[in-house]
Amino acid sequence: MIANSRSEVEKTIKDYIVLQEMFRLYAKKRNDLEKEYNKLLANYNEGENNYSLDQADKIYNVYREMISCEEQSKIANDNFGEAENELKKIGQILYEATIHAEISLPAINGTAAHTRSVTISFSNGGVTVR
């Protein structure tokens, strides 16, 4: 989880946002790698499943990276679920109110660190972050 927040509520909101973004990024990267893997198989396969060492190495490396992204995506999604549950608990404590906040977000996937204005709404046991 993310550290160095000013408050527990801010930390939970930041975790929610960052983990959701990480899940999306890993899932997208995994899908892109799967397309690349299938493309390599199709391009290198001449009907006989014979590959050069270089071709086999490229296919193998893309496959390994694809599996790694899938694992990272699952970890991020699991952690996101925990952060979402924590936000729901906050919503119960605040009697399903709305929070307006400026959240400092770290650099993710090459983007610069930045501050984001968010509105967190709690209703019917759910949470919405905009």
C-alpha atoms as a PDB file:
ATOM      1  CA  MET A   1       0.000   0.000   0.000  1.00  0.00           C
ATOM      2  CA  ILE A   2       1.000   3.636  -0.327  1.00  0.00           C
ATOM      3  CA  ALA A   3       2.766   5.464   2.502  1.00  0.00           C
ATOM      4  CA  ASN A   4       3.499   9.070   3.551  1.00  0.00           C
ATOM      5  CA  SER A   5      -0.070  10.384   3.559  1.00  0.00           C
ATOM      6  CA  ARG A   6      -1.239  13.080   5.926  1.00  0.00           C
ATOM      7  CA  SER A   7      -4.219  11.090   7.166  1.00  0.00           C
ATOM      8  CA  GLU A   8      -5.614   7.572   7.169  1.00  0.00           C
ATOM      9  CA  VAL A   9      -8.573   8.651   5.037  1.00  0.00           C
ATOM     10  CA  GLU A  10      -6.247  10.270   2.494  1.00  0.00           C
ATOM     11  CA  LYS A  11      -4.069   7.140   2.471  1.00  0.00           C
ATOM     12  CA  THR A  12      -7.109   4.952   1.811  1.00  0.00           C
ATOM     13  CA  ILE A  13      -8.331   7.210  -1.001  1.00  0.00           C
ATOM     14  CA  LYS A  14      -4.853   7.296  -2.530  1.00  0.00           C
ATOM     15  CA  ASP A  15      -4.554   3.505  -2.302  1.00  0.00           C
ATOM     16  CA  TYR A  16      -7.932   3.136  -4.008  1.00  0.00           C
ATOM     17  CA  ILE A  17      -6.997   5.432  -6.897  1.00  0.00           C
ATOM     18  CA  VAL A  18      -3.452   4.144  -7.395  1.00  0.00           C
ATOM     19  CA  LEU A  19      -4.362   0.464  -7.165  1.00  0.00           C
ATOM     20  CA  GLN A  20      -7.276   0.896  -9.557  1.00  0.00           C
ATOM     21  CA  GLU A  21      -4.938   2.558 -12.056  1.00  0.00           C
ATOM     22  CA  MET A  22      -2.271  -0.117 -11.577  1.00  0.00           C
ATOM     23  CA  PHE A  23      -4.862  -2.845 -12.202  1.00  0.00           C
ATOM     24  CA  ARG A  24      -5.964  -1.136 -15.421  1.00  0.00           C
ATOM     25  CA  LEU A  25      -2.386  -0.667 -16.615  1.00  0.00           C
ATOM     26  CA  TYR A  26      -1.337  -4.270 -15.931  1.00  0.00           C
ATOM     27  CA  ALA A  27      -4.519  -5.631 -17.502  1.00  0.00           C
ATOM     28  CA  LYS A  28      -3.998  -3.510 -20.621  1.00  0.00           C
ATOM     29  CA  LYS A  29      -0.336  -4.448 -20.843  1.00  0.00           C
ATOM     30  CA  ARG A  30      -1.234  -8.134 -20.433  1.00  0.00           C
ATOM     31  CA  ASN A  31      -3.795  -7.873 -23.251  1.00  0.00           C
ATOM     32  CA  ASP A  32      -1.272  -6.110 -25.484  1.00  0.00           C
ATOM     33  CA  LEU A  33       1.313  -8.802 -24.756  1.00  0.00           C
ATOM     34  CA  GLU A  34      -1.199 -11.536 -25.523  1.00  0.00           C
ATOM     35  CA  LYS A  35      -1.816  -9.940 -28.917  1.00  0.00           C
ATOM     36  CA  GLU A  36       1.945  -9.748 -29.477  1.00  0.00           C
ATOM     37  CA  TYR A  37       2.359 -13.394 -28.427  1.00  0.00           C
ATOM     38  CA  ASN A  38      -0.375 -14.537 -30.836  1.00  0.00           C
ATOM     39  CA  LYS A  39       1.102 -12.368 -33.593  1.00  0.00           C
ATOM     40  CA  LEU A  40       4.542 -13.897 -33.079  1.00  0.00           C
ATOM     41  CA  LEU A  41       3.092 -17.395 -33.156  1.00  0.00           C
ATOM     42  CA  ALA A  42       1.248 -16.638 -36.384  1.00  0.00           C
ATOM     43  CA  ASN A  43       4.204 -14.870 -38.036  1.00  0.00           C
ATOM     44  CA  TYR A  44       6.796 -17.487 -37.138  1.00  0.00           C
ATOM     45  CA  ASN A  45       4.630 -20.567 -37.646  1.00  0.00           C
ATOM     46  CA  GLU A  46       4.918 -21.935 -41.140  1.00  0.00           C
ATOM     47  CA  GLY A  47       2.478 -24.764 -40.501  1.00  0.00           C
ATOM     48  CA  GLU A  48       5.071 -27.060 -39.000  1.00  0.00           C
ATOM     49  CA  ASN A  49       5.680 -25.457 -35.576  1.00  0.00           C
ATOM     50  CA  ASN A  50       9.386 -25.130 -36.329  1.00  0.00           C
ATOM     51  CA  TYR A  51      11.065 -22.091 -34.817  1.00  0.00           C
ATOM     52  CA  SER A  52      14.569 -20.766 -34.842  1.00  0.00           C
ATOM     53  CA  LEU A  53      16.234 -20.232 -31.484  1.00  0.00           C
ATOM     54  CA  ASP A  54      15.750 -16.479 -31.840  1.00  0.00           C
ATOM     55  CA  GLN A  55      12.055 -16.869 -32.682  1.00  0.00           C
ATOM     56  CA  ALA A  56      11.470 -19.296 -29.811  1.00  0.00           C
ATOM     57  CA  ASP A  57      13.262 -16.911 -27.445  1.00  0.00           C
ATOM     58  CA  LYS A  58      11.087 -13.951 -28.512  1.00  0.00           C
ATOM     59  CA  ILE A  59       7.888 -15.993 -28.114  1.00  0.00           C
ATOM     60  CA  TYR A  60       9.023 -17.317 -24.735  1.00  0.00           C
ATOM     61  CA  ASN A  61       9.973 -13.881 -23.399  1.00  0.00           C
ATOM     62  CA  VAL A  62       6.695 -12.279 -24.481  1.00  0.00           C
ATOM     63  CA  TYR A  63       4.781 -15.165 -22.901  1.00  0.00           C
ATOM     64  CA  ARG A  64       6.685 -14.842 -19.605  1.00  0.00           C
ATOM     65  CA  GLU A  65       6.073 -11.087 -19.516  1.00  0.00           C
ATOM     66  CA  MET A  66       2.390 -11.668 -20.294  1.00  0.00           C
ATOM     67  CA  ILE A  67       2.094 -14.108 -17.351  1.00  0.00           C
ATOM     68  CA  SER A  68       3.958 -11.687 -15.082  1.00  0.00           C
ATOM     69  CA  CYS A  69       1.544  -8.876 -15.991  1.00  0.00           C
ATOM     70  CA  GLU A  70      -1.380 -11.191 -15.328  1.00  0.00           C
ATOM     71  CA  GLU A  71      -0.013 -11.939 -11.848  1.00  0.00           C
ATOM     72  CA  GLN A  72       0.656  -8.254 -11.148  1.00  0.00           C
ATOM     73  CA  SER A  73      -2.845  -7.391 -12.344  1.00  0.00           C
ATOM     74  CA  LYS A  74      -4.342  -9.949  -9.959  1.00  0.00           C
ATOM     75  CA  ILE A  75      -2.290  -8.624  -7.031  1.00  0.00           C
ATOM     76  CA  ALA A  76      -3.298  -5.033  -7.827  1.00  0.00           C
ATOM     77  CA  ASN A  77      -6.953  -6.069  -8.160  1.00  0.00           C
ATOM     78  CA  ASP A  78      -6.888  -7.932  -4.828  1.00  0.00           C
ATOM     79  CA  ASN A  79      -5.282  -4.946  -3.101  1.00  0.00           C
ATOM     80  CA  PHE A  80      -7.748  -2.615  -4.827  1.00  0.00           C
ATOM     81  CA  GLY A  81     -10.589  -4.707  -3.373  1.00  0.00           C
ATOM     82  CA  GLU A  82      -9.119  -4.243   0.103  1.00  0.00           C
ATOM     83  CA  ALA A  83      -8.837  -0.473  -0.415  1.00  0.00           C
ATOM     84  CA  GLU A  84     -12.412  -0.361  -1.704  1.00  0.00           C
ATOM     85  CA  ASN A  85     -13.622  -2.215   1.394  1.00  0.00           C
ATOM     86  CA  GLU A  86     -11.749   0.260   3.596  1.00  0.00           C
ATOM     87  CA  LEU A  87     -13.419   3.158   1.768  1.00  0.00           C
ATOM     88  CA  LYS A  88     -16.798   1.523   2.302  1.00  0.00           C
ATOM     89  CA  LYS A  89     -16.056   1.317   6.031  1.00  0.00           C
ATOM     90  CA  ILE A  90     -15.238   5.020   6.023  1.00  0.00           C
ATOM     91  CA  GLY A  91     -18.556   5.631   4.267  1.00  0.00           C
ATOM     92  CA  GLN A  92     -20.384   3.740   7.008  1.00  0.00           C
ATOM     93  CA  ILE A  93     -18.605   5.756   9.682  1.00  0.00           C
ATOM     94  CA  LEU A  94     -19.465   9.021   7.913  1.00  0.00           C
ATOM     95  CA  TYR A  95     -23.102   7.976   7.368  1.00  0.00           C
ATOM     96  CA  GLU A  96     -22.819   7.823   3.605  1.00  0.00           C
ATOM     97  CA  ALA A  97     -21.555  11.364   3.148  1.00  0.00           C
ATOM     98  CA  THR A  98     -19.399  12.887   0.410  1.00  0.00           C
ATOM     99  CA  ILE A  99     -15.726  13.793   0.728  1.00  0.00           C
ATOM    100  CA  HIS A 100     -14.026  16.429  -1.433  1.00  0.00           C
ATOM    101  CA  ALA A 101     -10.239  16.206  -1.395  1.00  0.00           C
ATOM    102  CA  GLU A 102      -7.006  17.113  -3.121  1.00  0.00           C
ATOM    103  CA  ILE A 103      -4.991  13.886  -3.286  1.00  0.00           C
ATOM    104  CA  SER A 104      -1.280  13.798  -4.136  1.00  0.00           C
ATOM    105  CA  LEU A 105      -0.675  10.863  -6.442  1.00  0.00           C
ATOM    106  CA  PRO A 106       2.708   9.318  -7.215  1.00  0.00           C
ATOM    107  CA  ALA A 107       4.122   8.838 -10.688  1.00  0.00           C
ATOM    108  CA  ILE A 108       2.464   5.869 -12.384  1.00  0.00           C
ATOM    109  CA  ASN A 109       3.579   4.314 -15.662  1.00  0.00           C
ATOM    110  CA  GLY A 110       5.757   7.228 -16.699  1.00  0.00           C
ATOM    111  CA  THR A 111       3.371   9.997 -15.676  1.00  0.00           C
ATOM    112  CA  ALA A 112       4.628  12.682 -13.332  1.00  0.00           C
ATOM    113  CA  ALA A 113       3.473  12.844  -9.739  1.00  0.00           C
ATOM    114  CA  HIS A 114       0.482  15.143  -9.476  1.00  0.00           C
ATOM    115  CA  THR A 115      -2.387  16.315  -7.306  1.00  0.00           C
ATOM    116  CA  ARG A 116      -5.901  15.284  -8.233  1.00  0.00           C
ATOM    117  CA  SER A 117      -9.148  16.801  -7.037  1.00  0.00           C
ATOM    118  CA  VAL A 118     -11.548  13.981  -6.168  1.00  0.00           C
ATOM    119  CA  THR A 119     -15.062  13.574  -4.880  1.00  0.00           C
ATOM    120  CA  ILE A 120     -15.814  10.383  -2.996  1.00  0.00           C
ATOM    121  CA  SER A 121     -19.493   9.607  -2.623  1.00  0.00           C
ATOM    122  CA  PHE A 122     -20.849   6.928  -0.334  1.00  0.00           C
ATOM    123  CA  SER A 123     -24.347   5.602  -0.887  1.00  0.00           C
ATOM    124  CA  ASN A 124     -26.158   2.344  -0.281  1.00  0.00           C
ATOM    125  CA  GLY A 125     -22.986   0.658   0.970  1.00  0.00           C
ATOM    126  CA  GLY A 126     -21.092   1.516  -2.218  1.00  0.00           C
ATOM    127  CA  VAL A 127     -18.399   4.006  -3.059  1.00  0.00           C
ATOM    128  CA  THR A 128     -17.853   6.201  -6.127  1.00  0.00           C
ATOM    129  CA  VAL A 129     -14.649   8.122  -6.755  1.00  0.00           C
ATOM    130  CA  ARG A 130     -14.741  10.880  -9.358  1.00  0.00           C
END
